[in-house]
Amino acid sequence: MLRDAASNWVRSHLSGSRFHATVERQLEEATALGYNYYLVMGTDSTRDGKPYLMHCYCGELFVFELTFKQARRFKIPRGQFLWGTGALAGRLESPETPAVAITGLAIERADGLPRGSPISADVSYEADGGWPDSCAFRLDYDVAGVGSVASFHYPRPPAERRGCIRCSFPPLHENVGKEPITSSIALFLRLYREQPNAPVAVQPMSNIRGALISLCDAGLG
C-alpha cells in the first residue's frame, strides 16, 4: 500500500521522531483525498545526511536523491522539511505486467534547462512482446501552485524489442502571474494506448519512470 510504503521510508530516513507523526498525518490526509504528495528533506533533516525528494505520484512512491545544488533550490529551513500536495492522483494504475517497460529516462540539460525550451529526452525501453499499437508517451509534472501539466510524444513503433527512443515535448508551462519555478521538479513519463470508444480514453501500457529537472533563465544553464 502506498501510504505504508511512504510512511516506512520516512521513518527510516527522516531524523527527529517528532516529525514522523506530522508527515504521516499529512500523507494520510493527502492520499485519503486522492491527491499527490511530496516531501523535500535537506541534509540536516535526514539520518544519512543526504537530501531527498519523496514523491507519491499516481499511486506510486518515487524517491529522488538530490544533489546539494538541487537541495539549495528548495530553500529548506534549517532542520525542517518542505511538503505539499499536487493534483488529483488519478485512478489509472500501471499494469502488473506492462507491455512496455521503461527502464531509463534521461532528460537533456536536466540540471539547467532554459525557461521556455522544449524538453528532449532519451527513453530506454524493453518490449519483449512487441510494441503496442496507437501509443504515446505522456510527460507530467505536478507542483503545488503551478499545476499538473501533460504533454504527449507519439513515437514511430520501433522494430527492436529493446532500445532507446528520442522524445521531444513542449516547454514546461509556468502559470502566468505566479513566481517562476526555482526548485528542481520531478517529471513522470508513462506510455498510454488510445481507446477512443472505451469509457476511459487511454490505457496505461508501461510503468511510470521519474526524473528531476531544473529550470534556469536563458544563458545561465
N, C-alpha and C. Protein backbone atom coordinates (compact mmCIF):
# COMPACT_ATOMS: atom_id res chain seq x y z
N MET A 1 0.85 -1.19 0.00
CA MET A 1 0.00 0.00 0.00
C MET A 1 0.89 1.24 0.00
N LEU A 2 0.52 2.23 -0.81
CA LEU A 2 1.36 3.41 -0.97
C LEU A 2 1.63 4.12 0.35
N ARG A 3 0.60 4.36 1.12
CA ARG A 3 0.77 5.09 2.37
C ARG A 3 1.73 4.38 3.31
N ASP A 4 1.62 3.06 3.40
CA ASP A 4 2.51 2.30 4.28
C ASP A 4 3.95 2.35 3.78
N ALA A 5 4.14 2.22 2.46
CA ALA A 5 5.49 2.27 1.89
C ALA A 5 6.13 3.64 2.13
N ALA A 6 5.35 4.70 1.92
CA ALA A 6 5.87 6.05 2.15
C ALA A 6 6.17 6.29 3.61
N SER A 7 5.27 5.84 4.49
CA SER A 7 5.47 6.01 5.93
C SER A 7 6.72 5.28 6.40
N ASN A 8 6.92 4.06 5.93
CA ASN A 8 8.11 3.30 6.32
C ASN A 8 9.38 3.98 5.84
N TRP A 9 9.34 4.53 4.62
CA TRP A 9 10.52 5.21 4.10
C TRP A 9 10.83 6.45 4.94
N VAL A 10 9.80 7.21 5.29
CA VAL A 10 10.00 8.42 6.11
C VAL A 10 10.60 8.06 7.46
N ARG A 11 10.08 7.04 8.10
CA ARG A 11 10.57 6.64 9.42
C ARG A 11 12.03 6.19 9.38
N SER A 12 12.44 5.62 8.27
CA SER A 12 13.82 5.13 8.19
C SER A 12 14.80 6.20 7.71
N HIS A 13 14.30 7.31 7.16
CA HIS A 13 15.20 8.32 6.60
C HIS A 13 15.10 9.70 7.25
N LEU A 14 13.92 10.08 7.72
CA LEU A 14 13.75 11.41 8.30
C LEU A 14 14.16 11.38 9.76
N SER A 15 15.13 12.20 10.13
CA SER A 15 15.59 12.24 11.52
C SER A 15 14.61 13.07 12.35
N GLY A 16 14.60 12.80 13.64
CA GLY A 16 13.70 13.53 14.52
C GLY A 16 12.32 12.91 14.55
N SER A 17 12.09 12.03 15.53
CA SER A 17 10.82 11.31 15.57
C SER A 17 9.63 12.24 15.72
N ARG A 18 9.86 13.48 16.20
CA ARG A 18 8.75 14.41 16.35
C ARG A 18 8.13 14.78 15.00
N PHE A 19 8.91 14.60 13.92
CA PHE A 19 8.40 14.93 12.59
C PHE A 19 7.57 13.79 11.99
N HIS A 20 7.78 12.57 12.46
CA HIS A 20 7.16 11.42 11.82
C HIS A 20 5.64 11.51 11.83
N ALA A 21 5.08 11.84 13.00
CA ALA A 21 3.62 11.90 13.12
C ALA A 21 3.05 13.00 12.23
N THR A 22 3.77 14.11 12.13
CA THR A 22 3.31 15.22 11.28
C THR A 22 3.25 14.80 9.82
N VAL A 23 4.33 14.19 9.35
CA VAL A 23 4.38 13.76 7.95
C VAL A 23 3.33 12.69 7.67
N GLU A 24 3.18 11.75 8.59
CA GLU A 24 2.21 10.69 8.37
C GLU A 24 0.78 11.23 8.34
N ARG A 25 0.50 12.26 9.14
CA ARG A 25 -0.83 12.87 9.10
C ARG A 25 -1.05 13.58 7.77
N GLN A 26 -0.04 14.31 7.31
CA GLN A 26 -0.15 14.98 6.01
C GLN A 26 -0.36 13.96 4.89
N LEU A 27 0.41 12.90 4.95
CA LEU A 27 0.34 11.86 3.93
C LEU A 27 -1.03 11.19 3.93
N GLU A 28 -1.54 10.88 5.12
CA GLU A 28 -2.85 10.24 5.22
C GLU A 28 -3.94 11.14 4.67
N GLU A 29 -3.89 12.43 5.01
CA GLU A 29 -4.91 13.36 4.53
C GLU A 29 -4.86 13.49 3.00
N ALA A 30 -3.64 13.59 2.46
CA ALA A 30 -3.50 13.75 1.00
C ALA A 30 -3.99 12.52 0.25
N THR A 31 -3.56 11.33 0.69
CA THR A 31 -3.95 10.11 -0.01
C THR A 31 -5.44 9.82 0.16
N ALA A 32 -6.01 10.16 1.32
CA ALA A 32 -7.44 9.94 1.54
C ALA A 32 -8.27 10.78 0.57
N LEU A 33 -7.79 11.98 0.26
CA LEU A 33 -8.49 12.86 -0.67
C LEU A 33 -8.12 12.57 -2.13
N GLY A 34 -7.13 11.69 -2.32
CA GLY A 34 -6.75 11.31 -3.68
C GLY A 34 -5.73 12.23 -4.33
N TYR A 35 -4.99 13.02 -3.52
CA TYR A 35 -4.02 13.95 -4.08
C TYR A 35 -2.61 13.38 -4.05
N ASN A 36 -1.80 13.81 -5.01
CA ASN A 36 -0.38 13.51 -4.96
C ASN A 36 0.24 14.27 -3.79
N TYR A 37 1.35 13.76 -3.28
CA TYR A 37 2.01 14.35 -2.11
C TYR A 37 3.51 14.31 -2.33
N TYR A 38 4.19 15.39 -1.92
CA TYR A 38 5.65 15.36 -1.99
C TYR A 38 6.28 15.94 -0.73
N LEU A 39 7.48 15.47 -0.44
CA LEU A 39 8.21 15.85 0.77
C LEU A 39 9.67 16.08 0.39
N VAL A 40 10.21 17.23 0.79
CA VAL A 40 11.60 17.57 0.49
C VAL A 40 12.37 17.67 1.81
N MET A 41 13.48 16.95 1.90
CA MET A 41 14.29 16.91 3.12
C MET A 41 15.71 17.36 2.81
N GLY A 42 16.22 18.25 3.65
CA GLY A 42 17.58 18.74 3.49
C GLY A 42 18.58 17.84 4.19
N THR A 43 19.86 18.21 4.08
CA THR A 43 20.93 17.38 4.63
C THR A 43 20.88 17.26 6.15
N ASP A 44 20.33 18.28 6.82
CA ASP A 44 20.31 18.24 8.28
C ASP A 44 19.01 17.68 8.84
N SER A 45 18.15 17.13 7.98
CA SER A 45 16.91 16.55 8.47
C SER A 45 16.77 15.08 8.12
N THR A 46 17.86 14.48 7.60
CA THR A 46 17.83 13.05 7.27
C THR A 46 18.89 12.31 8.06
N ARG A 47 18.65 11.04 8.27
CA ARG A 47 19.57 10.23 9.08
C ARG A 47 20.93 10.05 8.42
N ASP A 48 20.95 9.98 7.08
CA ASP A 48 22.22 9.74 6.39
C ASP A 48 22.87 11.02 5.88
N GLY A 49 22.27 12.18 6.18
CA GLY A 49 22.86 13.45 5.77
C GLY A 49 22.73 13.75 4.29
N LYS A 50 21.84 13.04 3.60
CA LYS A 50 21.62 13.28 2.17
C LYS A 50 20.27 13.95 1.96
N PRO A 51 20.17 14.88 0.99
CA PRO A 51 18.87 15.50 0.71
C PRO A 51 18.03 14.63 -0.23
N TYR A 52 16.73 14.63 -0.03
CA TYR A 52 15.83 13.80 -0.84
C TYR A 52 14.56 14.56 -1.21
N LEU A 53 13.98 14.14 -2.32
CA LEU A 53 12.62 14.49 -2.69
C LEU A 53 11.85 13.18 -2.76
N MET A 54 10.86 13.02 -1.88
CA MET A 54 9.98 11.86 -1.91
C MET A 54 8.67 12.30 -2.54
N HIS A 55 8.20 11.56 -3.52
CA HIS A 55 7.01 11.96 -4.26
C HIS A 55 6.06 10.78 -4.35
N CYS A 56 4.84 10.96 -3.82
CA CYS A 56 3.78 9.98 -4.00
C CYS A 56 2.98 10.44 -5.21
N TYR A 57 3.15 9.74 -6.30
CA TYR A 57 2.56 10.20 -7.56
C TYR A 57 1.76 9.08 -8.21
N CYS A 58 0.50 9.35 -8.48
CA CYS A 58 -0.36 8.43 -9.22
C CYS A 58 -0.37 7.04 -8.58
N GLY A 59 -0.39 7.02 -7.24
CA GLY A 59 -0.47 5.76 -6.52
C GLY A 59 0.84 5.04 -6.35
N GLU A 60 1.97 5.65 -6.74
CA GLU A 60 3.27 5.01 -6.62
C GLU A 60 4.24 5.91 -5.86
N LEU A 61 5.24 5.29 -5.26
CA LEU A 61 6.24 6.00 -4.47
C LEU A 61 7.52 6.18 -5.27
N PHE A 62 8.00 7.43 -5.34
CA PHE A 62 9.25 7.76 -6.02
C PHE A 62 10.14 8.51 -5.04
N VAL A 63 11.41 8.12 -4.99
CA VAL A 63 12.37 8.79 -4.13
C VAL A 63 13.55 9.23 -4.98
N PHE A 64 13.86 10.53 -4.95
CA PHE A 64 14.97 11.10 -5.70
C PHE A 64 16.02 11.61 -4.70
N GLU A 65 17.24 11.13 -4.82
CA GLU A 65 18.32 11.72 -4.04
C GLU A 65 18.77 12.99 -4.75
N LEU A 66 18.74 14.10 -4.03
CA LEU A 66 19.07 15.39 -4.62
C LEU A 66 20.57 15.67 -4.53
N THR A 67 21.08 16.42 -5.49
CA THR A 67 22.42 16.97 -5.33
C THR A 67 22.32 18.14 -4.37
N PHE A 68 23.45 18.61 -3.86
CA PHE A 68 23.42 19.75 -2.94
C PHE A 68 22.90 21.00 -3.65
N LYS A 69 23.21 21.11 -4.94
CA LYS A 69 22.73 22.25 -5.71
C LYS A 69 21.21 22.20 -5.84
N GLN A 70 20.68 21.03 -6.12
CA GLN A 70 19.24 20.88 -6.23
C GLN A 70 18.56 21.16 -4.90
N ALA A 71 19.15 20.67 -3.81
CA ALA A 71 18.56 20.89 -2.49
C ALA A 71 18.51 22.37 -2.14
N ARG A 72 19.56 23.12 -2.51
CA ARG A 72 19.58 24.56 -2.19
C ARG A 72 18.45 25.30 -2.90
N ARG A 73 18.06 24.82 -4.07
CA ARG A 73 16.99 25.49 -4.82
C ARG A 73 15.65 25.45 -4.08
N PHE A 74 15.47 24.48 -3.20
CA PHE A 74 14.20 24.38 -2.47
C PHE A 74 14.14 25.35 -1.29
N LYS A 75 15.30 25.89 -0.88
CA LYS A 75 15.35 26.85 0.24
C LYS A 75 14.68 26.27 1.49
N ILE A 76 15.13 25.09 1.88
CA ILE A 76 14.56 24.40 3.03
C ILE A 76 15.08 25.04 4.31
N PRO A 77 14.22 25.45 5.24
CA PRO A 77 14.69 25.99 6.52
C PRO A 77 15.53 24.96 7.26
N ARG A 78 16.55 25.41 7.95
CA ARG A 78 17.47 24.50 8.63
C ARG A 78 16.72 23.63 9.63
N GLY A 79 16.98 22.33 9.54
CA GLY A 79 16.37 21.39 10.46
C GLY A 79 14.91 21.10 10.18
N GLN A 80 14.39 21.60 9.05
CA GLN A 80 12.98 21.41 8.73
C GLN A 80 12.84 20.63 7.42
N PHE A 81 11.62 20.54 6.94
CA PHE A 81 11.34 19.91 5.66
C PHE A 81 10.21 20.67 4.99
N LEU A 82 10.08 20.47 3.70
CA LEU A 82 9.01 21.09 2.94
C LEU A 82 8.08 20.00 2.42
N TRP A 83 6.81 20.31 2.31
CA TRP A 83 5.87 19.33 1.80
C TRP A 83 4.77 20.06 1.03
N GLY A 84 4.04 19.32 0.25
CA GLY A 84 2.94 19.91 -0.50
C GLY A 84 2.11 18.84 -1.16
N THR A 85 0.94 19.23 -1.61
CA THR A 85 0.08 18.34 -2.37
C THR A 85 -0.08 18.90 -3.77
N GLY A 86 -0.29 18.01 -4.71
CA GLY A 86 -0.44 18.42 -6.09
C GLY A 86 -1.84 18.13 -6.60
N ALA A 87 -1.92 17.70 -7.83
CA ALA A 87 -3.21 17.43 -8.46
C ALA A 87 -3.76 16.09 -7.97
N LEU A 88 -5.00 15.81 -8.34
CA LEU A 88 -5.57 14.50 -8.04
C LEU A 88 -4.73 13.41 -8.69
N ALA A 89 -4.50 12.35 -7.93
CA ALA A 89 -3.58 11.31 -8.38
C ALA A 89 -4.11 10.52 -9.57
N GLY A 90 -5.41 10.47 -9.73
CA GLY A 90 -5.97 9.68 -10.83
C GLY A 90 -6.12 8.22 -10.45
N ARG A 91 -6.84 7.48 -11.26
CA ARG A 91 -7.15 6.08 -10.96
C ARG A 91 -6.54 5.10 -11.95
N LEU A 92 -5.70 5.59 -12.85
CA LEU A 92 -5.11 4.71 -13.86
C LEU A 92 -3.83 4.09 -13.31
N GLU A 93 -3.94 2.90 -12.77
CA GLU A 93 -2.78 2.22 -12.21
C GLU A 93 -1.97 1.56 -13.32
N SER A 94 -0.67 1.50 -13.08
CA SER A 94 0.20 0.81 -14.05
C SER A 94 -0.11 -0.69 -14.02
N PRO A 95 -0.07 -1.36 -15.17
CA PRO A 95 -0.34 -2.80 -15.20
C PRO A 95 0.75 -3.58 -14.46
N GLU A 96 0.35 -4.70 -13.86
CA GLU A 96 1.31 -5.52 -13.13
C GLU A 96 2.39 -6.04 -14.08
N THR A 97 2.00 -6.43 -15.27
CA THR A 97 2.95 -6.88 -16.29
C THR A 97 2.79 -5.96 -17.50
N PRO A 98 3.52 -4.85 -17.54
CA PRO A 98 3.33 -3.88 -18.63
C PRO A 98 3.81 -4.42 -19.97
N ALA A 99 3.13 -3.98 -21.03
CA ALA A 99 3.55 -4.36 -22.38
C ALA A 99 4.93 -3.79 -22.70
N VAL A 100 5.21 -2.61 -22.15
CA VAL A 100 6.49 -1.95 -22.34
C VAL A 100 7.05 -1.57 -20.97
N ALA A 101 8.30 -1.91 -20.74
CA ALA A 101 8.99 -1.50 -19.52
C ALA A 101 9.89 -0.32 -19.84
N ILE A 102 9.64 0.82 -19.20
CA ILE A 102 10.53 1.98 -19.35
C ILE A 102 11.65 1.79 -18.34
N THR A 103 12.85 1.55 -18.84
CA THR A 103 13.98 1.22 -17.97
C THR A 103 14.90 2.41 -17.70
N GLY A 104 14.70 3.49 -18.44
CA GLY A 104 15.55 4.66 -18.23
C GLY A 104 14.92 5.91 -18.81
N LEU A 105 15.15 7.04 -18.16
CA LEU A 105 14.66 8.33 -18.64
C LEU A 105 15.75 9.37 -18.40
N ALA A 106 16.37 9.83 -19.47
CA ALA A 106 17.46 10.80 -19.39
C ALA A 106 17.00 12.10 -20.05
N ILE A 107 16.89 13.17 -19.26
CA ILE A 107 16.46 14.47 -19.76
C ILE A 107 17.68 15.29 -20.17
N GLU A 108 17.67 15.82 -21.37
CA GLU A 108 18.77 16.65 -21.83
C GLU A 108 18.80 17.97 -21.06
N ARG A 109 19.98 18.39 -20.61
CA ARG A 109 20.17 19.62 -19.83
C ARG A 109 19.27 19.66 -18.60
N ALA A 110 19.15 18.52 -17.93
CA ALA A 110 18.23 18.41 -16.80
C ALA A 110 18.60 19.32 -15.64
N ASP A 111 19.89 19.63 -15.49
CA ASP A 111 20.30 20.46 -14.35
C ASP A 111 20.29 21.95 -14.67
N GLY A 112 19.85 22.33 -15.85
CA GLY A 112 19.78 23.74 -16.19
C GLY A 112 19.13 23.96 -17.53
N LEU A 113 17.84 23.66 -17.64
CA LEU A 113 17.12 23.84 -18.89
C LEU A 113 16.58 25.27 -18.95
N PRO A 114 16.97 26.06 -19.96
CA PRO A 114 16.47 27.43 -20.06
C PRO A 114 14.94 27.46 -20.15
N ARG A 115 14.35 28.40 -19.44
CA ARG A 115 12.89 28.53 -19.45
C ARG A 115 12.38 28.71 -20.87
N GLY A 116 11.28 28.06 -21.16
CA GLY A 116 10.70 28.17 -22.49
C GLY A 116 11.30 27.23 -23.51
N SER A 117 12.25 26.40 -23.09
CA SER A 117 12.88 25.46 -24.03
C SER A 117 12.10 24.15 -24.09
N PRO A 118 12.00 23.55 -25.28
CA PRO A 118 11.40 22.22 -25.37
C PRO A 118 12.19 21.22 -24.53
N ILE A 119 11.54 20.15 -24.15
CA ILE A 119 12.18 19.10 -23.36
C ILE A 119 12.53 17.94 -24.28
N SER A 120 13.81 17.61 -24.32
CA SER A 120 14.28 16.45 -25.09
C SER A 120 14.69 15.36 -24.12
N ALA A 121 14.30 14.13 -24.42
CA ALA A 121 14.57 13.02 -23.51
C ALA A 121 14.88 11.76 -24.29
N ASP A 122 15.77 10.96 -23.73
CA ASP A 122 16.05 9.63 -24.25
C ASP A 122 15.36 8.62 -23.33
N VAL A 123 14.48 7.82 -23.92
CA VAL A 123 13.69 6.85 -23.16
C VAL A 123 14.17 5.44 -23.51
N SER A 124 14.73 4.76 -22.53
CA SER A 124 15.14 3.36 -22.73
C SER A 124 13.95 2.45 -22.44
N TYR A 125 13.79 1.42 -23.24
CA TYR A 125 12.60 0.58 -23.11
C TYR A 125 12.93 -0.87 -23.37
N GLU A 126 12.03 -1.74 -22.92
CA GLU A 126 12.03 -3.16 -23.25
C GLU A 126 10.59 -3.54 -23.59
N ALA A 127 10.39 -4.13 -24.76
CA ALA A 127 9.06 -4.55 -25.20
C ALA A 127 9.17 -5.96 -25.76
N ASP A 128 9.34 -6.94 -24.88
CA ASP A 128 9.60 -8.31 -25.33
C ASP A 128 8.42 -8.89 -26.09
N GLY A 129 7.22 -8.39 -25.86
CA GLY A 129 6.06 -8.89 -26.57
C GLY A 129 5.73 -8.09 -27.82
N GLY A 130 6.62 -7.18 -28.20
CA GLY A 130 6.36 -6.32 -29.34
C GLY A 130 5.75 -5.00 -28.91
N TRP A 131 5.86 -3.99 -29.75
CA TRP A 131 5.38 -2.65 -29.43
C TRP A 131 3.88 -2.56 -29.68
N PRO A 132 3.11 -2.09 -28.69
CA PRO A 132 1.65 -2.00 -28.90
C PRO A 132 1.29 -0.87 -29.87
N ASP A 133 0.14 -1.01 -30.52
CA ASP A 133 -0.32 -0.02 -31.49
C ASP A 133 -0.93 1.20 -30.80
N SER A 134 -0.96 2.32 -31.54
CA SER A 134 -1.67 3.55 -31.14
C SER A 134 -1.27 4.02 -29.74
N CYS A 135 0.03 4.13 -29.52
CA CYS A 135 0.53 4.52 -28.20
C CYS A 135 1.28 5.85 -28.26
N ALA A 136 1.30 6.51 -27.11
CA ALA A 136 2.03 7.76 -26.98
C ALA A 136 2.63 7.85 -25.58
N PHE A 137 3.81 8.47 -25.50
CA PHE A 137 4.39 8.78 -24.20
C PHE A 137 3.73 10.05 -23.66
N ARG A 138 3.36 10.03 -22.39
CA ARG A 138 2.83 11.22 -21.75
C ARG A 138 3.77 11.67 -20.65
N LEU A 139 4.12 12.95 -20.66
CA LEU A 139 5.03 13.52 -19.67
C LEU A 139 4.21 14.45 -18.77
N ASP A 140 4.31 14.24 -17.46
CA ASP A 140 3.58 15.05 -16.49
C ASP A 140 4.54 15.65 -15.47
N TYR A 141 4.15 16.77 -14.92
CA TYR A 141 4.80 17.24 -13.71
C TYR A 141 3.73 17.82 -12.81
N ASP A 142 4.02 17.85 -11.51
CA ASP A 142 2.99 18.17 -10.54
C ASP A 142 3.63 18.96 -9.40
N VAL A 143 3.36 20.26 -9.36
CA VAL A 143 3.93 21.13 -8.33
C VAL A 143 2.82 21.97 -7.73
N ALA A 144 2.77 22.06 -6.42
CA ALA A 144 1.76 22.89 -5.77
C ALA A 144 1.89 24.33 -6.24
N GLY A 145 0.77 24.94 -6.57
CA GLY A 145 0.78 26.33 -7.01
C GLY A 145 1.07 26.50 -8.49
N VAL A 146 1.48 25.45 -9.16
CA VAL A 146 1.78 25.53 -10.58
C VAL A 146 0.81 24.65 -11.37
N GLY A 147 0.52 23.47 -10.86
CA GLY A 147 -0.47 22.62 -11.51
C GLY A 147 0.15 21.40 -12.16
N SER A 148 -0.71 20.56 -12.65
CA SER A 148 -0.28 19.33 -13.30
C SER A 148 -0.44 19.51 -14.81
N VAL A 149 0.61 19.30 -15.53
CA VAL A 149 0.60 19.53 -16.97
C VAL A 149 1.00 18.25 -17.69
N ALA A 150 0.28 17.92 -18.74
CA ALA A 150 0.58 16.73 -19.53
C ALA A 150 0.88 17.13 -20.97
N SER A 151 1.87 16.51 -21.56
CA SER A 151 2.16 16.68 -22.98
C SER A 151 2.50 15.31 -23.54
N PHE A 152 2.36 15.17 -24.85
CA PHE A 152 2.46 13.85 -25.47
C PHE A 152 3.53 13.82 -26.56
N HIS A 153 4.11 12.63 -26.72
CA HIS A 153 5.01 12.36 -27.84
C HIS A 153 4.55 11.04 -28.46
N TYR A 154 4.28 11.07 -29.76
CA TYR A 154 3.81 9.88 -30.47
C TYR A 154 4.99 9.28 -31.25
N PRO A 155 5.59 8.23 -30.71
CA PRO A 155 6.77 7.67 -31.38
C PRO A 155 6.38 6.76 -32.55
N ARG A 156 7.27 6.65 -33.48
CA ARG A 156 7.13 5.63 -34.53
C ARG A 156 7.43 4.28 -33.88
N PRO A 157 6.55 3.29 -34.02
CA PRO A 157 6.78 2.00 -33.36
C PRO A 157 8.16 1.44 -33.72
N PRO A 158 9.01 1.19 -32.73
CA PRO A 158 10.35 0.68 -33.03
C PRO A 158 10.32 -0.79 -33.46
N ALA A 159 11.24 -1.15 -34.32
CA ALA A 159 11.33 -2.54 -34.77
C ALA A 159 12.01 -3.42 -33.71
N GLU A 160 12.94 -2.82 -32.95
CA GLU A 160 13.68 -3.58 -31.95
C GLU A 160 12.85 -3.70 -30.67
N ARG A 161 13.00 -4.81 -30.01
CA ARG A 161 12.26 -5.03 -28.77
C ARG A 161 12.93 -4.37 -27.57
N ARG A 162 14.16 -3.96 -27.71
CA ARG A 162 14.86 -3.23 -26.66
C ARG A 162 15.67 -2.13 -27.31
N GLY A 163 15.67 -0.97 -26.71
CA GLY A 163 16.42 0.12 -27.30
C GLY A 163 16.14 1.43 -26.61
N CYS A 164 16.31 2.52 -27.36
CA CYS A 164 16.15 3.87 -26.82
C CYS A 164 15.42 4.73 -27.85
N ILE A 165 14.45 5.49 -27.39
CA ILE A 165 13.66 6.37 -28.25
C ILE A 165 13.90 7.81 -27.84
N ARG A 166 14.18 8.65 -28.84
CA ARG A 166 14.36 10.08 -28.59
C ARG A 166 12.99 10.76 -28.64
N CYS A 167 12.65 11.46 -27.57
CA CYS A 167 11.35 12.12 -27.48
C CYS A 167 11.52 13.62 -27.32
N SER A 168 10.52 14.36 -27.78
CA SER A 168 10.51 15.80 -27.63
C SER A 168 9.14 16.24 -27.11
N PHE A 169 9.15 17.11 -26.12
CA PHE A 169 7.93 17.62 -25.51
C PHE A 169 7.96 19.14 -25.47
N PRO A 170 6.80 19.78 -25.44
CA PRO A 170 6.75 21.25 -25.37
C PRO A 170 7.38 21.75 -24.06
N PRO A 171 7.70 23.03 -24.00
CA PRO A 171 8.26 23.60 -22.76
C PRO A 171 7.30 23.44 -21.59
N LEU A 172 7.86 23.39 -20.38
CA LEU A 172 7.02 23.35 -19.19
C LEU A 172 6.26 24.66 -19.06
N HIS A 173 5.02 24.56 -18.68
CA HIS A 173 4.17 25.74 -18.52
C HIS A 173 4.31 26.28 -17.11
N GLU A 174 4.62 27.57 -17.00
CA GLU A 174 4.65 28.24 -15.71
C GLU A 174 3.49 29.23 -15.69
N ASN A 175 2.60 29.07 -14.72
CA ASN A 175 1.37 29.84 -14.71
C ASN A 175 1.63 31.34 -14.74
N VAL A 176 0.89 32.05 -15.57
CA VAL A 176 1.03 33.50 -15.68
C VAL A 176 0.63 34.14 -14.36
N GLY A 177 1.43 35.10 -13.91
CA GLY A 177 1.12 35.82 -12.69
C GLY A 177 1.68 35.19 -11.44
N LYS A 178 2.31 34.02 -11.55
CA LYS A 178 2.91 33.37 -10.39
C LYS A 178 4.43 33.46 -10.48
N GLU A 179 5.05 33.22 -9.35
CA GLU A 179 6.51 33.24 -9.33
C GLU A 179 7.04 32.12 -10.22
N PRO A 180 8.15 32.35 -10.93
CA PRO A 180 8.72 31.27 -11.76
C PRO A 180 9.19 30.11 -10.89
N ILE A 181 9.21 28.95 -11.48
CA ILE A 181 9.69 27.78 -10.76
C ILE A 181 11.19 27.91 -10.53
N THR A 182 11.60 27.83 -9.27
CA THR A 182 13.02 27.93 -8.96
C THR A 182 13.58 26.62 -8.41
N SER A 183 12.72 25.75 -7.89
CA SER A 183 13.19 24.48 -7.35
C SER A 183 13.29 23.43 -8.45
N SER A 184 14.00 22.36 -8.16
CA SER A 184 14.00 21.23 -9.06
C SER A 184 12.64 20.54 -8.96
N ILE A 185 12.16 20.03 -10.06
CA ILE A 185 10.86 19.37 -10.05
C ILE A 185 10.96 18.00 -10.68
N ALA A 186 10.02 17.14 -10.33
CA ALA A 186 10.01 15.78 -10.85
C ALA A 186 9.11 15.69 -12.07
N LEU A 187 9.62 15.03 -13.09
CA LEU A 187 8.84 14.72 -14.28
C LEU A 187 8.51 13.23 -14.26
N PHE A 188 7.33 12.89 -14.77
CA PHE A 188 6.91 11.49 -14.78
C PHE A 188 6.46 11.10 -16.19
N LEU A 189 6.98 9.98 -16.66
CA LEU A 189 6.71 9.52 -18.03
C LEU A 189 6.03 8.16 -17.99
N ARG A 190 5.00 8.01 -18.84
CA ARG A 190 4.34 6.70 -18.98
C ARG A 190 3.82 6.57 -20.40
N LEU A 191 3.74 5.34 -20.88
CA LEU A 191 3.21 5.06 -22.21
C LEU A 191 1.72 4.72 -22.10
N TYR A 192 0.92 5.34 -22.97
CA TYR A 192 -0.52 5.10 -22.97
C TYR A 192 -0.98 4.65 -24.36
N ARG A 193 -2.03 3.85 -24.36
CA ARG A 193 -2.69 3.48 -25.61
C ARG A 193 -4.03 4.20 -25.68
N GLU A 194 -4.34 4.75 -26.85
CA GLU A 194 -5.61 5.42 -27.04
C GLU A 194 -6.75 4.41 -27.16
N GLN A 195 -7.87 4.72 -26.51
CA GLN A 195 -9.07 3.89 -26.57
C GLN A 195 -10.27 4.80 -26.84
N PRO A 196 -10.44 5.24 -28.08
CA PRO A 196 -11.45 6.26 -28.38
C PRO A 196 -12.88 5.86 -28.07
N ASN A 197 -13.21 4.58 -28.11
CA ASN A 197 -14.59 4.13 -27.90
C ASN A 197 -14.82 3.51 -26.53
N ALA A 198 -13.83 3.59 -25.67
CA ALA A 198 -13.93 2.99 -24.34
C ALA A 198 -14.34 4.04 -23.31
N PRO A 199 -14.86 3.61 -22.15
CA PRO A 199 -15.22 4.57 -21.09
C PRO A 199 -14.04 5.43 -20.64
N VAL A 200 -12.84 4.83 -20.64
CA VAL A 200 -11.61 5.56 -20.32
C VAL A 200 -10.83 5.72 -21.63
N ALA A 201 -10.48 6.97 -21.96
CA ALA A 201 -9.91 7.25 -23.29
C ALA A 201 -8.51 6.70 -23.49
N VAL A 202 -7.78 6.47 -22.39
CA VAL A 202 -6.42 5.96 -22.52
C VAL A 202 -6.22 4.79 -21.56
N GLN A 203 -5.28 3.93 -21.91
CA GLN A 203 -4.94 2.76 -21.10
C GLN A 203 -3.44 2.75 -20.86
N PRO A 204 -2.98 2.70 -19.60
CA PRO A 204 -1.54 2.62 -19.34
C PRO A 204 -0.94 1.34 -19.90
N MET A 205 0.17 1.47 -20.59
CA MET A 205 0.83 0.33 -21.21
C MET A 205 2.23 0.10 -20.67
N SER A 206 2.65 0.92 -19.71
CA SER A 206 4.01 0.80 -19.16
C SER A 206 3.99 1.19 -17.69
N ASN A 207 5.13 1.01 -17.07
CA ASN A 207 5.37 1.56 -15.74
C ASN A 207 5.56 3.07 -15.85
N ILE A 208 5.63 3.73 -14.71
CA ILE A 208 5.95 5.17 -14.66
C ILE A 208 7.43 5.31 -14.35
N ARG A 209 8.09 6.21 -15.05
CA ARG A 209 9.51 6.49 -14.80
C ARG A 209 9.65 7.96 -14.46
N GLY A 210 10.40 8.27 -13.42
CA GLY A 210 10.57 9.65 -13.00
C GLY A 210 11.98 10.16 -13.21
N ALA A 211 12.10 11.49 -13.32
CA ALA A 211 13.40 12.14 -13.46
C ALA A 211 13.27 13.56 -12.93
N LEU A 212 14.38 14.13 -12.50
CA LEU A 212 14.38 15.51 -12.00
C LEU A 212 14.85 16.46 -13.07
N ILE A 213 14.33 17.71 -13.01
CA ILE A 213 14.76 18.76 -13.94
C ILE A 213 14.76 20.08 -13.20
N SER A 214 15.67 20.97 -13.59
CA SER A 214 15.74 22.32 -13.02
C SER A 214 15.70 23.32 -14.14
N LEU A 215 14.89 24.37 -13.98
CA LEU A 215 14.80 25.43 -14.97
C LEU A 215 15.72 26.58 -14.59
N CYS A 216 16.19 27.30 -15.59
CA CYS A 216 17.05 28.45 -15.35
C CYS A 216 16.71 29.52 -16.37
N ASP A 217 17.16 30.73 -16.13
CA ASP A 217 16.98 31.80 -17.09
C ASP A 217 17.94 31.60 -18.26
N ALA A 218 17.55 32.02 -19.43
CA ALA A 218 18.37 31.83 -20.64
C ALA A 218 19.78 32.36 -20.42
N GLY A 219 20.77 31.56 -20.82
CA GLY A 219 22.16 31.97 -20.69
C GLY A 219 22.80 31.59 -19.39
N LEU A 220 21.99 31.02 -18.44
CA LEU A 220 22.54 30.66 -17.13
C LEU A 220 22.58 29.17 -16.91
N GLY A 221 22.17 28.39 -17.90
CA GLY A 221 22.13 26.93 -17.74
C GLY A 221 23.51 26.31 -17.72
